[in-house]
Structure formats: C-alpha cells, structure tokens
Amino acid sequence: MARWMDLRHTYNLPGKLLFSCIGVVCIALGTTICRMGDVGVDPFTAMNLGLSARVGMDFGTFQLLMNLVILVVVFAFDRFQIGLGTLINMVAVGYLIEFFTWVYRQLPWQPSGLVSAGIHLVAGTLLFTLGVSLYLKTRMGVAPIDAVAPVIVARTRFSYTPVRMTQDILVTVVAVLAGGPIGVFTVVAAFMTGPLITAWNRLATLRLYRRFHVLDREELAAEKS
C-alpha cells in the first residue's frame, strides 16, 4: 500500500482516522446546510449535483465516480497527494450529503426568507471550514479535486493561487451549465474560506490535536513553521 499511497504520517493512526472522519462529516453537514438554505454549495459539489441530475444517477455514486477518475489522474503524477484521508473523503462526502439532505427534508419546517438564508450561510460556512481544518491537519492526504492544483504547480512555472482560481472558475462554469445549485456560498467556498480555515487551525484544531496527541512533535513543529 505504501507504494501507491502516502503513509508517512501514521503517528496515532486511529486518532487521525477518527478526526478525518469527523472533519468529513462536518464538511458534508455544512454543505448540506448551505444547500438547503438555497445559498449554493461549493463548486465541485455544484457541478456533480448538476451533472448527476442530468444523467439520472444518484449524487453520491456520481461524485464517487468523478473522484475515482480524478484520483487516477493525480496518482499518475503524484501518489503522495493520496492518503487514507483521501479515500475517506472521496467515498463518504457525497453519500453523507445525500443522507443529511434526506434528514433535513424530514424536518417539520423548511427554510425560507432572507434571514433564514443568512443563518444557513453562516452556520454552513463555519461547519464546512471547521471540517476542512480538521480533515487537512491530520496530514492524511487531500481530496482528489484538491490535489489537482498542486500537481499542476509542481510541473509548471505557475503559482498555486492562479492555478487554483482557474480550476475553481472552470468547475463553476461547468456547474452553471449543468444547472447545479450556485449561490453565495459557491463564491465563498471557492475564494474566501482560507482565513476561516486558518482561524479554525489556530483556535481549535491544533489545540485539539495537541490535547489528544493526534500529531507527533515533528508534525506539530511543521504546523508552527
């Protein structure tokens, strides 16, 4: 397995897997809250929601297949972008969003109005960014779509920011053409979540990981640098 997956960061593997799963749940729940509040979802999810509806396939399975295609491409260029966390993310997020959406629709009330949209946007964004923080700081790999830009940067003279922005814009265009749920959160997720993720890292995630010894001393030192 080590030949095709990054297993360098396996200190306290059960703890890392647990917090990777918690992070993925938060990502899916935050995305669902924004979706149900009609404020949009992140570009990749919006694209897959639109395309899956057009081809008549359930969203969870369609997103898994898209992730598999991207994973094969990423693996061909840089297998160290792939870790156990990558597999958790690519398999679980789509199906969790489907599940949380089903649960949300069973509630006796449904969101409506500008105030409700604002509450859903704030709550969903906070949960989504917390999930990304928890997930990434386990150092167990990234989602396949998030590995594309680093792979391109490593093999070109371009810097990360314009490559990532171009990627997100292209995915958003496809989402719009496919009829995916585009909204305020789509823009927030694509371009404005960085500061919130950094804040979660500092205020919660790294403190939590120190408390439960999720990271070893070398990994903690790397996070401080």
C-alpha atoms as a PDB file:
ATOM      1  CA  MET A   1       0.000   0.000   0.000  1.00  0.00           C
ATOM      2  CA  ALA A   2       2.847   2.397   0.765  1.00  0.00           C
ATOM      3  CA  ARG A   3       3.898   2.214  -2.893  1.00  0.00           C
ATOM      4  CA  TRP A   4       0.717   3.890  -4.099  1.00  0.00           C
ATOM      5  CA  MET A   5      -0.391   5.933  -1.094  1.00  0.00           C
ATOM      6  CA  ASP A   6       1.210   8.447   1.284  1.00  0.00           C
ATOM      7  CA  LEU A   7       1.579   6.586   4.592  1.00  0.00           C
ATOM      8  CA  ARG A   8       4.326   8.768   6.017  1.00  0.00           C
ATOM      9  CA  HIS A   9       2.093  10.397   8.646  1.00  0.00           C
ATOM     10  CA  THR A  10       0.799   7.388  10.561  1.00  0.00           C
ATOM     11  CA  TYR A  11       1.531   8.522  14.126  1.00  0.00           C
ATOM     12  CA  ASN A  12      -1.621   7.804  16.188  1.00  0.00           C
ATOM     13  CA  LEU A  13      -3.344   6.409  13.128  1.00  0.00           C
ATOM     14  CA  PRO A  14      -6.649   5.639  14.930  1.00  0.00           C
ATOM     15  CA  GLY A  15      -6.837   9.225  16.182  1.00  0.00           C
ATOM     16  CA  LYS A  16      -6.073  10.638  12.750  1.00  0.00           C
ATOM     17  CA  LEU A  17      -8.669   8.433  11.096  1.00  0.00           C
ATOM     18  CA  LEU A  18     -11.253   9.430  13.717  1.00  0.00           C
ATOM     19  CA  PHE A  19     -10.679  13.151  13.256  1.00  0.00           C
ATOM     20  CA  SER A  20     -10.540  12.751   9.461  1.00  0.00           C
ATOM     21  CA  CYS A  21     -13.997  11.181   9.658  1.00  0.00           C
ATOM     22  CA  ILE A  22     -15.278  13.945  11.963  1.00  0.00           C
ATOM     23  CA  GLY A  23     -13.913  16.514   9.532  1.00  0.00           C
ATOM     24  CA  VAL A  24     -15.611  14.855   6.566  1.00  0.00           C
ATOM     25  CA  VAL A  25     -18.927  14.753   8.465  1.00  0.00           C
ATOM     26  CA  CYS A  26     -18.613  18.493   9.199  1.00  0.00           C
ATOM     27  CA  ILE A  27     -17.818  19.222   5.536  1.00  0.00           C
ATOM     28  CA  ALA A  28     -20.875  17.273   4.373  1.00  0.00           C
ATOM     29  CA  LEU A  29     -23.168  18.763   7.026  1.00  0.00           C
ATOM     30  CA  GLY A  30     -22.001  22.315   6.322  1.00  0.00           C
ATOM     31  CA  THR A  31     -22.511  21.784   2.600  1.00  0.00           C
ATOM     32  CA  THR A  32     -25.999  20.381   3.205  1.00  0.00           C
ATOM     33  CA  ILE A  33     -26.999  23.330   5.395  1.00  0.00           C
ATOM     34  CA  CYS A  34     -25.955  25.757   2.666  1.00  0.00           C
ATOM     35  CA  ARG A  35     -27.716  23.682   0.024  1.00  0.00           C
ATOM     36  CA  MET A  36     -30.969  23.559   1.985  1.00  0.00           C
ATOM     37  CA  GLY A  37     -30.730  27.278   2.733  1.00  0.00           C
ATOM     38  CA  ASP A  38     -30.596  27.963  -1.027  1.00  0.00           C
ATOM     39  CA  VAL A  39     -27.260  29.755  -0.760  1.00  0.00           C
ATOM     40  CA  GLY A  40     -25.380  27.348  -3.028  1.00  0.00           C
ATOM     41  CA  VAL A  41     -22.730  24.708  -2.466  1.00  0.00           C
ATOM     42  CA  ASP A  42     -19.016  24.520  -3.247  1.00  0.00           C
ATOM     43  CA  PRO A  43     -18.140  24.446  -6.977  1.00  0.00           C
ATOM     44  CA  PHE A  44     -17.215  20.745  -7.163  1.00  0.00           C
ATOM     45  CA  THR A  45     -20.376  19.642  -5.375  1.00  0.00           C
ATOM     46  CA  ALA A  46     -22.485  22.006  -7.500  1.00  0.00           C
ATOM     47  CA  MET A  47     -21.002  20.558 -10.668  1.00  0.00           C
ATOM     48  CA  ASN A  48     -21.641  16.985  -9.554  1.00  0.00           C
ATOM     49  CA  LEU A  49     -25.183  17.748  -8.385  1.00  0.00           C
ATOM     50  CA  GLY A  50     -25.982  19.289 -11.757  1.00  0.00           C
ATOM     51  CA  LEU A  51     -24.362  16.570 -13.847  1.00  0.00           C
ATOM     52  CA  SER A  52     -25.772  13.706 -11.773  1.00  0.00           C
ATOM     53  CA  ALA A  53     -29.298  15.090 -12.215  1.00  0.00           C
ATOM     54  CA  ARG A  54     -28.771  15.348 -15.971  1.00  0.00           C
ATOM     55  CA  VAL A  55     -27.585  11.745 -16.348  1.00  0.00           C
ATOM     56  CA  GLY A  56     -30.158  10.367 -13.900  1.00  0.00           C
ATOM     57  CA  MET A  57     -27.669   8.985 -11.365  1.00  0.00           C
ATOM     58  CA  ASP A  58     -27.807   9.442  -7.601  1.00  0.00           C
ATOM     59  CA  PHE A  59     -25.439  12.161  -6.436  1.00  0.00           C
ATOM     60  CA  GLY A  60     -23.343  10.075  -4.030  1.00  0.00           C
ATOM     61  CA  THR A  61     -22.446   7.486  -6.659  1.00  0.00           C
ATOM     62  CA  PHE A  62     -21.798  10.106  -9.340  1.00  0.00           C
ATOM     63  CA  GLN A  63     -19.444  12.076  -7.075  1.00  0.00           C
ATOM     64  CA  LEU A  64     -17.614   8.882  -6.137  1.00  0.00           C
ATOM     65  CA  LEU A  65     -17.083   8.058  -9.826  1.00  0.00           C
ATOM     66  CA  MET A  66     -15.840  11.596 -10.538  1.00  0.00           C
ATOM     67  CA  ASN A  67     -13.434  11.307  -7.617  1.00  0.00           C
ATOM     68  CA  LEU A  68     -12.161   7.979  -8.932  1.00  0.00           C
ATOM     69  CA  VAL A  69     -11.423   9.499 -12.342  1.00  0.00           C
ATOM     70  CA  ILE A  70      -9.559  12.436 -10.786  1.00  0.00           C
ATOM     71  CA  LEU A  71      -7.746  10.092  -8.396  1.00  0.00           C
ATOM     72  CA  VAL A  72      -6.370   8.046 -11.292  1.00  0.00           C
ATOM     73  CA  VAL A  73      -5.025  11.194 -12.942  1.00  0.00           C
ATOM     74  CA  VAL A  74      -3.494  12.510  -9.702  1.00  0.00           C
ATOM     75  CA  PHE A  75      -1.953   9.137  -8.943  1.00  0.00           C
ATOM     76  CA  ALA A  76      -0.253   9.095 -12.339  1.00  0.00           C
ATOM     77  CA  PHE A  77       1.614  12.302 -11.467  1.00  0.00           C
ATOM     78  CA  ASP A  78       2.000  12.402  -7.669  1.00  0.00           C
ATOM     79  CA  ARG A  79       0.911   9.499  -5.494  1.00  0.00           C
ATOM     80  CA  PHE A  80       1.997  11.352  -2.334  1.00  0.00           C
ATOM     81  CA  GLN A  81      -1.055  13.590  -2.653  1.00  0.00           C
ATOM     82  CA  ILE A  82      -3.057  10.461  -1.835  1.00  0.00           C
ATOM     83  CA  GLY A  83      -3.571   9.160   1.693  1.00  0.00           C
ATOM     84  CA  LEU A  84      -6.122   7.292   3.756  1.00  0.00           C
ATOM     85  CA  GLY A  85      -7.907  10.596   4.316  1.00  0.00           C
ATOM     86  CA  THR A  86      -8.275  10.933   0.552  1.00  0.00           C
ATOM     87  CA  LEU A  87     -10.218   7.681   0.397  1.00  0.00           C
ATOM     88  CA  ILE A  88     -12.445   8.676   3.331  1.00  0.00           C
ATOM     89  CA  ASN A  89     -13.246  11.989   1.687  1.00  0.00           C
ATOM     90  CA  MET A  90     -13.914  10.693  -1.819  1.00  0.00           C
ATOM     91  CA  VAL A  91     -16.154   7.856  -0.663  1.00  0.00           C
ATOM     92  CA  ALA A  92     -18.061   9.495   2.187  1.00  0.00           C
ATOM     93  CA  VAL A  93     -18.805  13.148   1.357  1.00  0.00           C
ATOM     94  CA  GLY A  94     -21.291  12.587  -1.479  1.00  0.00           C
ATOM     95  CA  TYR A  95     -23.293   9.940   0.336  1.00  0.00           C
ATOM     96  CA  LEU A  96     -23.277  11.950   3.582  1.00  0.00           C
ATOM     97  CA  ILE A  97     -24.650  14.993   1.748  1.00  0.00           C
ATOM     98  CA  GLU A  98     -27.418  12.780   0.336  1.00  0.00           C
ATOM     99  CA  PHE A  99     -28.178  11.430   3.817  1.00  0.00           C
ATOM    100  CA  PHE A 100     -28.163  14.817   5.560  1.00  0.00           C
ATOM    101  CA  THR A 101     -30.346  16.274   2.799  1.00  0.00           C
ATOM    102  CA  TRP A 102     -32.867  13.479   3.330  1.00  0.00           C
ATOM    103  CA  VAL A 103     -32.844  14.084   7.104  1.00  0.00           C
ATOM    104  CA  TYR A 104     -33.243  17.840   6.614  1.00  0.00           C
ATOM    105  CA  ARG A 105     -36.267  17.356   4.387  1.00  0.00           C
ATOM    106  CA  GLN A 106     -37.979  15.335   7.146  1.00  0.00           C
ATOM    107  CA  LEU A 107     -37.969  18.346   9.483  1.00  0.00           C
ATOM    108  CA  PRO A 108     -41.393  19.905  10.172  1.00  0.00           C
ATOM    109  CA  TRP A 109     -40.156  23.301   8.937  1.00  0.00           C
ATOM    110  CA  GLN A 110     -38.261  24.281   5.837  1.00  0.00           C
ATOM    111  CA  PRO A 111     -36.053  27.374   5.380  1.00  0.00           C
ATOM    112  CA  SER A 112     -37.391  30.463   3.643  1.00  0.00           C
ATOM    113  CA  GLY A 113     -36.624  34.161   3.524  1.00  0.00           C
ATOM    114  CA  LEU A 114     -33.516  36.309   3.627  1.00  0.00           C
ATOM    115  CA  VAL A 115     -32.857  35.907   7.359  1.00  0.00           C
ATOM    116  CA  SER A 116     -33.052  32.129   7.089  1.00  0.00           C
ATOM    117  CA  ALA A 117     -30.667  32.188   4.127  1.00  0.00           C
ATOM    118  CA  GLY A 118     -28.199  34.291   6.119  1.00  0.00           C
ATOM    119  CA  ILE A 119     -28.335  31.923   9.086  1.00  0.00           C
ATOM    120  CA  HIS A 120     -27.808  28.918   6.840  1.00  0.00           C
ATOM    121  CA  LEU A 121     -24.903  30.639   5.082  1.00  0.00           C
ATOM    122  CA  VAL A 122     -23.111  31.475   8.341  1.00  0.00           C
ATOM    123  CA  ALA A 123     -23.754  28.103  10.009  1.00  0.00           C
ATOM    124  CA  GLY A 124     -22.901  26.125   6.893  1.00  0.00           C
ATOM    125  CA  THR A 125     -19.726  28.080   6.203  1.00  0.00           C
ATOM    126  CA  LEU A 126     -18.486  27.689   9.783  1.00  0.00           C
ATOM    127  CA  LEU A 127     -19.145  23.931   9.766  1.00  0.00           C
ATOM    128  CA  PHE A 128     -17.635  23.492   6.312  1.00  0.00           C
ATOM    129  CA  THR A 129     -14.413  25.351   7.187  1.00  0.00           C
ATOM    130  CA  LEU A 130     -14.117  23.552  10.538  1.00  0.00           C
ATOM    131  CA  GLY A 131     -14.400  20.260   8.689  1.00  0.00           C
ATOM    132  CA  VAL A 132     -11.709  21.248   6.194  1.00  0.00           C
ATOM    133  CA  SER A 133      -9.428  22.293   9.061  1.00  0.00           C
ATOM    134  CA  LEU A 134      -9.926  19.028  10.969  1.00  0.00           C
ATOM    135  CA  TYR A 135      -9.532  16.956   7.819  1.00  0.00           C
ATOM    136  CA  LEU A 136      -6.422  18.595   6.382  1.00  0.00           C
ATOM    137  CA  LYS A 137      -4.477  18.890   9.624  1.00  0.00           C
ATOM    138  CA  THR A 138      -4.428  15.133  10.112  1.00  0.00           C
ATOM    139  CA  ARG A 139      -1.934  15.183   7.198  1.00  0.00           C
ATOM    140  CA  MET A 140      -3.596  12.082   5.767  1.00  0.00           C
ATOM    141  CA  GLY A 141      -3.974  13.287   2.190  1.00  0.00           C
ATOM    142  CA  VAL A 142      -6.317  15.674   0.398  1.00  0.00           C
ATOM    143  CA  ALA A 143      -9.485  15.234  -1.625  1.00  0.00           C
ATOM    144  CA  PRO A 144      -8.773  14.271  -5.250  1.00  0.00           C
ATOM    145  CA  ILE A 145     -10.049  17.605  -6.608  1.00  0.00           C
ATOM    146  CA  ASP A 146      -7.802  19.499  -4.161  1.00  0.00           C
ATOM    147  CA  ALA A 147      -4.759  17.599  -5.402  1.00  0.00           C
ATOM    148  CA  VAL A 148      -5.131  18.808  -8.990  1.00  0.00           C
ATOM    149  CA  ALA A 149      -3.724  22.321  -8.488  1.00  0.00           C
ATOM    150  CA  PRO A 150      -0.631  21.181  -6.505  1.00  0.00           C
ATOM    151  CA  VAL A 151       0.141  18.612  -9.223  1.00  0.00           C
ATOM    152  CA  ILE A 152      -0.068  21.283 -11.937  1.00  0.00           C
ATOM    153  CA  VAL A 153       2.053  23.722  -9.913  1.00  0.00           C
ATOM    154  CA  ALA A 154       4.736  21.085  -9.340  1.00  0.00           C
ATOM    155  CA  ARG A 155       5.071  20.538 -13.083  1.00  0.00           C
ATOM    156  CA  THR A 156       4.762  24.090 -14.396  1.00  0.00           C
ATOM    157  CA  ARG A 157       6.050  27.564 -13.628  1.00  0.00           C
ATOM    158  CA  PHE A 158       2.659  28.760 -12.431  1.00  0.00           C
ATOM    159  CA  SER A 159       1.993  29.645  -8.786  1.00  0.00           C
ATOM    160  CA  TYR A 160      -0.711  27.965  -6.731  1.00  0.00           C
ATOM    161  CA  THR A 161      -3.235  30.806  -6.386  1.00  0.00           C
ATOM    162  CA  PRO A 162      -3.901  31.474 -10.108  1.00  0.00           C
ATOM    163  CA  VAL A 163      -3.959  27.745 -10.855  1.00  0.00           C
ATOM    164  CA  ARG A 164      -6.464  27.065  -8.070  1.00  0.00           C
ATOM    165  CA  MET A 165      -8.601  30.056  -9.056  1.00  0.00           C
ATOM    166  CA  THR A 166      -8.655  28.894 -12.680  1.00  0.00           C
ATOM    167  CA  GLN A 167      -9.633  25.402 -11.575  1.00  0.00           C
ATOM    168  CA  ASP A 168     -12.477  26.692  -9.401  1.00  0.00           C
ATOM    169  CA  ILE A 169     -13.731  29.038 -12.131  1.00  0.00           C
ATOM    170  CA  LEU A 170     -13.784  26.236 -14.711  1.00  0.00           C
ATOM    171  CA  VAL A 171     -15.602  23.892 -12.322  1.00  0.00           C
ATOM    172  CA  THR A 172     -18.105  26.656 -11.505  1.00  0.00           C
ATOM    173  CA  VAL A 173     -18.756  27.283 -15.212  1.00  0.00           C
ATOM    174  CA  VAL A 174     -19.497  23.593 -15.720  1.00  0.00           C
ATOM    175  CA  ALA A 175     -21.756  23.688 -12.642  1.00  0.00           C
ATOM    176  CA  VAL A 176     -23.694  26.638 -14.072  1.00  0.00           C
ATOM    177  CA  LEU A 177     -24.077  24.938 -17.462  1.00  0.00           C
ATOM    178  CA  ALA A 178     -25.213  21.722 -15.762  1.00  0.00           C
ATOM    179  CA  GLY A 179     -27.766  23.538 -13.614  1.00  0.00           C
ATOM    180  CA  GLY A 180     -26.039  22.941 -10.298  1.00  0.00           C
ATOM    181  CA  PRO A 181     -27.005  24.920  -7.161  1.00  0.00           C
ATOM    182  CA  ILE A 182     -24.866  28.068  -7.433  1.00  0.00           C
ATOM    183  CA  GLY A 183     -25.128  30.783  -4.786  1.00  0.00           C
ATOM    184  CA  VAL A 184     -23.253  32.987  -2.353  1.00  0.00           C
ATOM    185  CA  PHE A 185     -21.620  30.014  -0.673  1.00  0.00           C
ATOM    186  CA  THR A 186     -20.212  28.867  -4.021  1.00  0.00           C
ATOM    187  CA  VAL A 187     -18.140  32.039  -4.200  1.00  0.00           C
ATOM    188  CA  VAL A 188     -17.275  31.864  -0.503  1.00  0.00           C
ATOM    189  CA  ALA A 189     -16.151  28.237  -0.766  1.00  0.00           C
ATOM    190  CA  ALA A 190     -14.066  28.900  -3.867  1.00  0.00           C
ATOM    191  CA  PHE A 191     -12.244  32.061  -2.832  1.00  0.00           C
ATOM    192  CA  MET A 192     -12.890  33.196   0.758  1.00  0.00           C
ATOM    193  CA  THR A 193     -12.641  30.233   3.127  1.00  0.00           C
ATOM    194  CA  GLY A 194      -8.862  30.396   3.597  1.00  0.00           C
ATOM    195  CA  PRO A 195      -8.893  32.863   6.529  1.00  0.00           C
ATOM    196  CA  LEU A 196     -11.640  30.926   8.319  1.00  0.00           C
ATOM    197  CA  ILE A 197      -9.760  27.637   7.931  1.00  0.00           C
ATOM    198  CA  THR A 198      -6.612  29.301   9.274  1.00  0.00           C
ATOM    199  CA  ALA A 199      -8.591  30.660  12.232  1.00  0.00           C
ATOM    200  CA  TRP A 200     -10.022  27.203  12.991  1.00  0.00           C
ATOM    201  CA  ASN A 201      -6.494  25.767  12.803  1.00  0.00           C
ATOM    202  CA  ARG A 202      -5.243  28.221  15.401  1.00  0.00           C
ATOM    203  CA  LEU A 203      -8.258  28.422  17.697  1.00  0.00           C
ATOM    204  CA  ALA A 204      -9.458  24.825  17.730  1.00  0.00           C
ATOM    205  CA  THR A 205      -7.885  22.149  15.555  1.00  0.00           C
ATOM    206  CA  LEU A 206      -4.222  22.298  16.558  1.00  0.00           C
ATOM    207  CA  ARG A 207      -5.142  22.720  20.238  1.00  0.00           C
ATOM    208  CA  LEU A 208      -7.439  19.707  19.988  1.00  0.00           C
ATOM    209  CA  TYR A 209      -4.773  17.662  18.219  1.00  0.00           C
ATOM    210  CA  ARG A 210      -2.181  18.550  20.859  1.00  0.00           C
ATOM    211  CA  ARG A 211      -4.622  17.630  23.606  1.00  0.00           C
ATOM    212  CA  PHE A 212      -5.309  14.184  22.151  1.00  0.00           C
ATOM    213  CA  HIS A 213      -1.795  13.610  20.747  1.00  0.00           C
ATOM    214  CA  VAL A 214      -3.060  13.312  17.188  1.00  0.00           C
ATOM    215  CA  LEU A 215       0.171  14.789  15.764  1.00  0.00           C
ATOM    216  CA  ASP A 216       3.721  13.924  16.784  1.00  0.00           C
ATOM    217  CA  ARG A 217       6.345  16.547  17.684  1.00  0.00           C
ATOM    218  CA  GLU A 218       7.731  16.729  14.154  1.00  0.00           C
ATOM    219  CA  GLU A 219       4.281  17.308  12.675  1.00  0.00           C
ATOM    220  CA  LEU A 220       3.426  19.946  15.282  1.00  0.00           C
ATOM    221  CA  ALA A 221       6.709  21.707  14.589  1.00  0.00           C
ATOM    222  CA  ALA A 222       5.907  21.701  10.868  1.00  0.00           C
ATOM    223  CA  GLU A 223       2.499  23.241  11.545  1.00  0.00           C
ATOM    224  CA  LYS A 224       4.097  26.053  13.577  1.00  0.00           C
ATOM    225  CA  SER A 225       6.650  26.908  10.904  1.00  0.00           C
END
